[in-house]
């Protein structure tokens, strides 16, 4: 959705508080543009898009900055249909990347469903996108305590976390180790001189990390005056993957009712896991808790369970983990605790 709003017009529409944040974000993008082009001269920044309000904000602030970028959306096979329709209709320039394998197939291969503690789904479908490039992401400090600890400039392999200026210092140290000529991040022109990411790594830039939810909605509604996905109007606070392990209980229940096909597909995956040998015992003990959230430590259930991890997967047959044989008939519906029946 390319808009015709100029930077000057956008600044005039913004309140003083938002205007200062817009200026900071745009400054960060412009400073980092040269290194982005040193890794991808043709496309510049790799913008990670999801169709949510934060990625919309990221898209439009990058557009206002006048820097070169290409937006990409990595699909997972559990994306809300409403979001995909919204992106296709309103952001046709965004490249939709289909998954090589469905999340259900990968779960069967790994012999475990994604959980709050083991979110292999993020690594499988999201975090590898933009490898070898300078990637723009729409995370914000306000979203969670974990994201509050994130920095505006990071290397995906966690070698560095800080600011652009701090990255200069990091790169200088790395170049001294290899006795190579020092090059500033702001004047790097060739991939060989950029020297901060290698292989599957990516340099992550978070231009809206200091923005609040209020800032985001003011920017979209009052400044850019663009449409947003209808799910927000129906009360959804987040519109990520259907049944995300990080979602709360009520949201999982609501998503199951709205998109029952996802629930059906997960049950099929669980049956495939069980008939193919089951989830590995060690993975189960470390990552999956009984639905009551209590630490029983019996029948192969872990003794480290906590209430915050309740509701993932209940294995109906404790004998599968070496405990006392169950008299109950297997109920694959009960197994499906991750998305909540």
Protein backbone atom coordinates (compact mmCIF):
# COMPACT_ATOMS: atom_id res chain seq x y z
CA UNK A 1 0.00 0.00 0.00
CA UNK A 2 2.07 2.86 -1.28
CA UNK A 3 0.69 6.15 0.01
CA UNK A 4 0.98 9.63 -1.46
CA UNK A 5 1.53 11.32 1.89
CA UNK A 6 4.75 13.31 2.07
CA UNK A 7 6.97 13.32 5.12
CA UNK A 8 6.10 16.97 5.75
CA UNK A 9 2.37 16.22 5.66
CA UNK A 10 2.80 13.26 7.98
CA UNK A 11 4.74 15.31 10.51
CA UNK A 12 2.05 18.00 10.48
CA UNK A 13 -0.64 15.43 11.31
CA UNK A 14 1.29 13.90 14.21
CA UNK A 15 1.20 15.10 17.81
CA UNK A 16 4.43 16.42 19.30
CA UNK A 17 5.12 13.16 21.13
CA UNK A 18 4.62 11.00 18.06
CA UNK A 19 6.50 13.43 15.83
CA UNK A 20 9.65 13.04 17.94
CA UNK A 21 9.44 9.26 17.71
CA UNK A 22 8.88 9.40 13.97
CA UNK A 23 11.94 11.61 13.57
CA UNK A 24 14.06 9.20 15.61
CA UNK A 25 12.86 6.16 13.65
CA UNK A 26 13.48 7.85 10.31
CA UNK A 27 16.96 8.95 11.40
CA UNK A 28 17.82 5.37 12.40
CA UNK A 29 16.59 4.04 9.05
CA UNK A 30 18.54 6.58 7.04
CA UNK A 31 21.74 5.96 8.98
CA UNK A 32 21.46 2.20 8.46
CA UNK A 33 20.49 2.36 4.79
CA UNK A 34 24.01 2.26 3.39
CA UNK A 35 24.91 -0.91 5.19
CA UNK A 36 21.59 -2.42 4.07
CA UNK A 37 22.50 -1.68 0.46
CA UNK A 38 25.99 -3.08 0.99
CA UNK A 39 24.35 -6.47 1.55
CA UNK A 40 21.54 -6.07 -1.00
CA UNK A 41 22.19 -3.22 -3.39
CA UNK A 42 19.07 -3.83 -5.44
CA UNK A 43 16.48 -4.10 -2.64
CA UNK A 44 18.09 -2.49 0.40
CA UNK A 45 16.34 -3.41 3.64
CA UNK A 46 14.52 -6.73 4.06
CA UNK A 47 11.29 -5.70 5.83
CA UNK A 48 9.63 -8.52 7.77
CA UNK A 49 5.88 -8.05 7.37
CA UNK A 50 3.04 -9.86 9.14
CA UNK A 51 -0.09 -7.87 8.32
CA UNK A 52 -0.47 -6.70 11.92
CA UNK A 53 -0.56 -3.12 13.14
CA UNK A 54 3.12 -3.05 14.10
CA UNK A 55 4.36 -4.30 10.74
CA UNK A 56 2.05 -1.80 9.03
CA UNK A 57 3.63 0.95 11.09
CA UNK A 58 7.08 -0.35 10.22
CA UNK A 59 6.17 -0.42 6.52
CA UNK A 60 4.89 3.15 6.43
CA UNK A 61 7.60 4.75 8.58
CA UNK A 62 10.17 3.10 6.28
CA UNK A 63 8.25 4.45 3.30
CA UNK A 64 8.32 7.96 4.79
CA UNK A 65 12.06 7.67 5.42
CA UNK A 66 12.57 7.36 1.67
CA UNK A 67 14.95 4.41 1.98
CA UNK A 68 15.09 1.41 -0.31
CA UNK A 69 13.30 -1.69 1.00
CA UNK A 70 11.35 -4.78 0.01
CA UNK A 71 8.65 -6.24 2.27
CA UNK A 72 8.24 -9.98 2.73
CA UNK A 73 5.70 -12.06 4.66
CA UNK A 74 6.68 -15.60 5.64
CA UNK A 75 3.57 -17.76 5.80
CA UNK A 76 3.34 -20.60 8.31
CA UNK A 77 0.21 -22.55 7.24
CA UNK A 78 -1.56 -21.39 10.42
CA UNK A 79 -1.98 -17.75 9.42
CA UNK A 80 -5.47 -16.27 9.95
CA UNK A 81 -7.22 -16.19 6.54
CA UNK A 82 -8.46 -12.68 7.34
CA UNK A 83 -4.87 -11.46 7.61
CA UNK A 84 -3.80 -13.02 4.32
CA UNK A 85 -6.80 -11.48 2.52
CA UNK A 86 -6.02 -8.10 4.09
CA UNK A 87 -2.40 -8.19 2.97
CA UNK A 88 -3.25 -9.31 -0.57
CA UNK A 89 -5.85 -6.57 -0.91
CA UNK A 90 -4.03 -3.69 0.77
CA UNK A 91 -0.33 -4.52 0.43
CA UNK A 92 0.05 -6.24 -2.97
CA UNK A 93 3.72 -5.23 -3.10
CA UNK A 94 4.50 -7.51 -0.14
CA UNK A 95 6.04 -10.81 -1.23
CA UNK A 96 4.17 -13.76 0.29
CA UNK A 97 6.59 -16.61 0.97
CA UNK A 98 4.91 -20.00 1.13
CA UNK A 99 6.36 -22.52 3.60
CA UNK A 100 8.37 -25.42 2.19
CA UNK A 101 6.54 -27.70 4.63
CA UNK A 102 3.39 -27.14 6.65
CA UNK A 103 3.79 -26.60 10.38
CA UNK A 104 1.89 -29.85 10.95
CA UNK A 105 4.38 -31.83 8.84
CA UNK A 106 7.32 -30.27 10.67
CA UNK A 107 5.72 -31.09 14.03
CA UNK A 108 5.47 -34.74 13.01
CA UNK A 109 9.11 -34.72 11.88
CA UNK A 110 10.25 -33.14 15.14
CA UNK A 111 7.91 -35.39 17.15
CA UNK A 112 6.73 -32.46 19.26
CA UNK A 113 4.27 -29.61 18.92
CA UNK A 114 5.52 -26.04 19.43
CA UNK A 115 5.18 -24.91 23.06
CA UNK A 116 5.75 -21.76 25.07
CA UNK A 117 9.19 -23.00 26.12
CA UNK A 118 10.16 -24.54 22.79
CA UNK A 119 8.93 -22.23 20.06
CA UNK A 120 10.63 -24.02 17.20
CA UNK A 121 7.91 -22.60 14.95
CA UNK A 122 9.44 -19.10 15.14
CA UNK A 123 12.87 -20.39 14.20
CA UNK A 124 11.46 -22.57 11.44
CA UNK A 125 9.29 -19.98 9.72
CA UNK A 126 10.22 -16.48 10.85
CA UNK A 127 13.71 -16.00 12.25
CA UNK A 128 15.60 -17.39 9.28
CA UNK A 129 13.96 -14.95 6.88
CA UNK A 130 16.26 -12.20 5.69
CA UNK A 131 19.43 -14.20 6.27
CA UNK A 132 22.49 -12.34 5.03
CA UNK A 133 20.60 -9.05 4.89
CA UNK A 134 19.75 -6.07 7.07
CA UNK A 135 16.26 -6.93 8.30
CA UNK A 136 13.67 -4.50 9.64
CA UNK A 137 11.39 -5.90 12.35
CA UNK A 138 8.43 -4.34 14.15
CA UNK A 139 9.00 -5.32 17.78
CA UNK A 140 8.26 -2.84 20.58
CA UNK A 141 9.46 -2.65 24.20
CA UNK A 142 5.89 -2.28 25.46
CA UNK A 143 4.83 -5.70 24.15
CA UNK A 144 6.45 -7.86 26.84
CA UNK A 145 9.16 -8.00 29.49
CA UNK A 146 11.31 -10.07 27.15
CA UNK A 147 11.01 -7.55 24.35
CA UNK A 148 11.73 -4.75 26.79
CA UNK A 149 15.25 -6.14 27.00
CA UNK A 150 15.73 -6.04 23.22
CA UNK A 151 17.83 -3.34 21.54
CA UNK A 152 17.24 -1.36 18.37
CA UNK A 153 20.21 -2.98 16.58
CA UNK A 154 21.03 -6.67 16.95
CA UNK A 155 22.80 -9.46 15.12
CA UNK A 156 20.47 -12.45 14.88
CA UNK A 157 23.07 -14.86 16.27
CA UNK A 158 23.15 -12.71 19.44
CA UNK A 159 26.76 -11.66 18.86
CA UNK A 160 25.75 -8.03 19.28
CA UNK A 161 22.88 -6.04 20.80
CA UNK A 162 22.90 -2.25 21.12
CA UNK A 163 22.89 0.81 18.86
CA UNK A 164 24.34 1.68 15.46
CA UNK A 165 27.16 3.52 17.19
CA UNK A 166 27.81 0.49 19.38
CA UNK A 167 27.87 -1.68 16.27
CA UNK A 168 30.66 0.53 14.93
CA UNK A 169 32.72 -0.27 18.02
CA UNK A 170 31.94 -3.98 17.74
CA UNK A 171 32.94 -4.06 14.09
CA UNK A 172 36.15 -2.17 14.78
CA UNK A 173 37.14 -4.77 17.38
CA UNK A 174 36.35 -7.59 14.99
CA UNK A 175 38.47 -6.01 12.27
CA UNK A 176 41.40 -5.56 14.63
CA UNK A 177 41.28 -9.26 15.39
CA UNK A 178 41.65 -10.02 11.70
CA UNK A 179 44.04 -7.08 11.06
CA UNK A 180 41.72 -5.76 8.37
CA UNK A 181 41.13 -2.12 7.51
CA UNK A 182 38.52 -0.49 9.76
CA UNK A 183 35.36 0.70 8.05
CA UNK A 184 32.56 2.69 9.62
CA UNK A 185 29.06 1.21 9.44
CA UNK A 186 27.78 4.47 7.96
CA UNK A 187 30.26 4.48 5.07
CA UNK A 188 30.39 0.78 4.21
CA UNK A 189 29.85 0.36 0.48
CA UNK A 190 30.81 -3.23 -0.27
CA UNK A 191 29.70 -6.48 1.33
CA UNK A 192 33.34 -7.34 1.96
CA UNK A 193 33.77 -4.22 4.07
CA UNK A 194 30.49 -4.37 5.98
CA UNK A 195 31.93 -7.16 8.08
CA UNK A 196 29.26 -7.66 10.74
CA UNK A 197 27.04 -10.52 9.52
CA UNK A 198 27.98 -13.78 7.88
CA UNK A 199 26.21 -16.83 6.49
CA UNK A 200 22.69 -17.23 7.86
CA UNK A 201 22.98 -14.27 10.23
CA UNK A 202 21.03 -11.07 9.71
CA UNK A 203 21.41 -7.59 11.13
CA UNK A 204 18.12 -6.75 12.85
CA UNK A 205 16.95 -3.13 13.02
CA UNK A 206 13.89 -2.24 15.13
CA UNK A 207 12.85 1.31 14.14
CA UNK A 208 9.66 1.40 16.26
CA UNK A 209 11.05 -0.32 19.35
CA UNK A 210 10.33 2.76 21.51
CA UNK A 211 6.77 3.25 20.24
CA UNK A 212 3.71 2.52 22.37
CA UNK A 213 0.47 0.94 21.17
CA UNK A 214 -1.09 4.38 21.36
CA UNK A 215 1.63 5.72 19.06
CA UNK A 216 1.01 2.92 16.58
CA UNK A 217 -2.73 3.53 16.33
CA UNK A 218 -2.30 7.31 16.09
CA UNK A 219 0.21 6.81 13.30
CA UNK A 220 -2.02 4.44 11.31
CA UNK A 221 -5.36 6.19 11.89
CA UNK A 222 -4.50 9.88 12.11
CA UNK A 223 -1.21 10.27 10.29
CA UNK A 224 -1.18 7.69 7.49
CA UNK A 225 -4.97 7.17 7.51
CA UNK A 226 -4.76 3.57 6.28
CA UNK A 227 -7.01 0.56 6.84
CA UNK A 228 -6.13 -2.21 9.29
CA UNK A 229 -7.13 -5.88 9.49
CA UNK A 230 -10.76 -6.42 10.51
CA UNK A 231 -9.74 -8.75 13.35
CA UNK A 232 -8.71 -5.76 15.45
CA UNK A 233 -12.24 -4.38 15.17
CA UNK A 234 -13.56 -7.71 16.46
CA UNK A 235 -11.58 -7.44 19.67
CA UNK A 236 -8.34 -9.22 18.80
CA UNK A 237 -5.29 -7.65 20.43
CA UNK A 238 -2.82 -9.73 18.45
CA UNK A 239 -3.28 -11.41 15.08
CA UNK A 240 -0.37 -13.79 14.82
CA UNK A 241 -0.49 -17.49 14.07
CA UNK A 242 -3.67 -19.36 14.98
CA UNK A 243 -3.11 -21.17 18.27
CA UNK A 244 0.22 -19.51 19.05
CA UNK A 245 1.68 -21.03 22.25
CA UNK A 246 2.19 -17.49 23.57
CA UNK A 247 -1.52 -16.63 23.32
CA UNK A 248 -3.70 -16.77 26.42
CA UNK A 249 -6.36 -19.41 27.09
CA UNK A 250 -9.34 -17.30 25.98
CA UNK A 251 -7.71 -16.37 22.71
CA UNK A 252 -6.90 -20.00 21.92
CA UNK A 253 -10.51 -21.00 22.61
CA UNK A 254 -11.78 -18.18 20.44
CA UNK A 255 -9.43 -19.09 17.59
CA UNK A 256 -10.48 -22.76 17.74
CA UNK A 257 -14.10 -21.77 17.28
CA UNK A 258 -13.38 -19.37 14.44
CA UNK A 259 -10.92 -21.55 12.51
CA UNK A 260 -11.78 -25.19 13.36
CA UNK A 261 -9.73 -26.51 10.43
CA UNK A 262 -6.53 -25.69 12.33
CA UNK A 263 -7.68 -27.71 15.32
CA UNK A 264 -8.55 -30.65 13.05
CA UNK A 265 -5.15 -30.52 11.37
CA UNK A 266 -3.32 -30.44 14.71
CA UNK A 267 -5.23 -33.50 15.90
CA UNK A 268 -4.21 -35.29 12.70
CA UNK A 269 -0.59 -34.32 13.39
CA UNK A 270 -0.83 -35.63 16.96
CA UNK A 271 -2.24 -38.93 15.72
CA UNK A 272 0.65 -39.16 13.25
CA UNK A 273 3.14 -38.48 16.04
CA UNK A 274 1.58 -41.15 18.25
CA UNK A 275 1.36 -43.81 15.57
CA UNK A 276 4.86 -43.03 14.43
CA UNK A 277 6.48 -43.65 17.82
CA UNK A 278 5.29 -40.69 19.84
CA UNK A 279 6.93 -37.58 21.19
CA UNK A 280 10.39 -38.29 22.55
CA UNK A 281 10.32 -38.78 26.29
CA UNK A 282 13.01 -36.21 27.04
CA UNK A 283 11.28 -33.56 24.96
CA UNK A 284 8.01 -34.29 26.71
CA UNK A 285 9.50 -34.08 30.20
CA UNK A 286 11.25 -30.81 29.53
CA UNK A 287 8.57 -28.98 27.62
CA UNK A 288 5.06 -30.37 28.17
CA UNK A 289 2.97 -30.19 31.34
CA UNK A 290 -0.32 -31.68 32.47
CA UNK A 291 -3.39 -29.50 31.89
CA UNK A 292 -3.98 -28.71 35.55
CA UNK A 293 -0.59 -27.07 35.82
CA UNK A 294 0.27 -29.03 38.96
CA UNK A 295 3.58 -30.75 39.51
CA UNK A 296 2.63 -34.39 39.97
CA UNK A 297 5.93 -35.99 39.10
CA UNK A 298 3.99 -39.25 38.59
CA UNK A 299 3.41 -41.54 35.66
CA UNK A 300 6.16 -39.91 33.68
CA UNK A 301 4.77 -36.38 34.06
CA UNK A 302 7.41 -33.78 34.96
CA UNK A 303 7.74 -32.51 38.52
CA UNK A 304 8.79 -29.04 37.33
CA UNK A 305 5.41 -28.08 35.92
CA UNK A 306 4.09 -24.59 36.56
CA UNK A 307 0.71 -22.95 36.18
CA UNK A 308 2.00 -20.62 33.48
CA UNK A 309 2.72 -23.64 31.31
CA UNK A 310 -0.62 -25.37 31.86
CA UNK A 311 -2.73 -26.46 28.95
CA UNK A 312 -0.33 -27.74 26.33
CA UNK A 313 -0.46 -31.47 25.65
CA UNK A 314 -1.80 -34.19 27.92
CA UNK A 315 -0.58 -37.59 26.84
CA UNK A 316 -3.54 -39.92 27.52
CA UNK A 317 -1.37 -42.99 28.08
CA UNK A 318 1.20 -42.57 30.90
CA UNK A 319 2.68 -45.96 30.05
CA UNK A 320 4.06 -44.31 26.93
CA UNK A 321 6.63 -42.63 29.22
CA UNK A 322 7.33 -45.72 31.29
CA UNK A 323 4.73 -45.12 34.00
CA UNK A 324 1.78 -47.21 35.14
CA UNK A 325 -0.34 -48.48 32.28
CA UNK A 326 -3.47 -46.41 31.74
CA UNK A 327 -6.89 -48.06 31.74
CA UNK A 328 -8.37 -45.20 29.74
CA UNK A 329 -9.02 -45.24 26.03
CA UNK A 330 -6.91 -42.74 24.12
CA UNK A 331 -8.72 -39.51 23.44
CA UNK A 332 -6.92 -37.51 20.77
CA UNK A 333 -9.14 -34.55 21.53
CA UNK A 334 -7.66 -34.41 25.04
CA UNK A 335 -4.18 -34.72 23.61
CA UNK A 336 -4.84 -31.51 21.77
CA UNK A 337 -4.26 -29.20 24.72
CA UNK A 338 -1.94 -26.77 23.01
CA UNK A 339 -4.78 -25.05 21.18
CA UNK A 340 -7.37 -25.86 23.85
CA UNK A 341 -10.45 -27.91 23.06
